[in-house]
Amino acid sequence: AVCAVALAVSACVVLRGARLGATLWWIRTVHGLFSGPYVAFKLPLLDTLLTHARKTGYDRLGHTVPFKARVVVSPSPPPSPPPLRRPKMSAGAFKSLIADGRSRRGEQGELCDADG
């Protein structure tokens, strides 16, 4: 990676225009091809066959210890809220509430009865 950066910086200083773009493309391509063999270390089975290394981690004091998977306990879902209940109101109380609201807003007129 350091060599690729050094080549890119030197190419920017020396080259101009289309030649600069082509040089940067070749630098990226060659760097990608050289990193190809390391893809084998990302495969689960080949990783252990090639390295023979065990997974390790650090404890709270900073010592290297064998890796232990952390068990994550999922929290219990919050309790569901109680169902909403409509307050019981008589038809007369509802009409007086509507009439009071209309009078406060300054509206005129009477409420119509659904009965006729």
Foldseek 3Di string as FASTA:
>chain_A
DVVLVVQLVVLVVPDDDPVNVVSNVVSVVVVVVVCVVVVLCVDVVSVCVVPVDFDWDADPVGDIDGDDDDDDDDDDDDDDDDDDDDDDDDPVRVLVVVVVVCVVVPHDDHDDDPVD
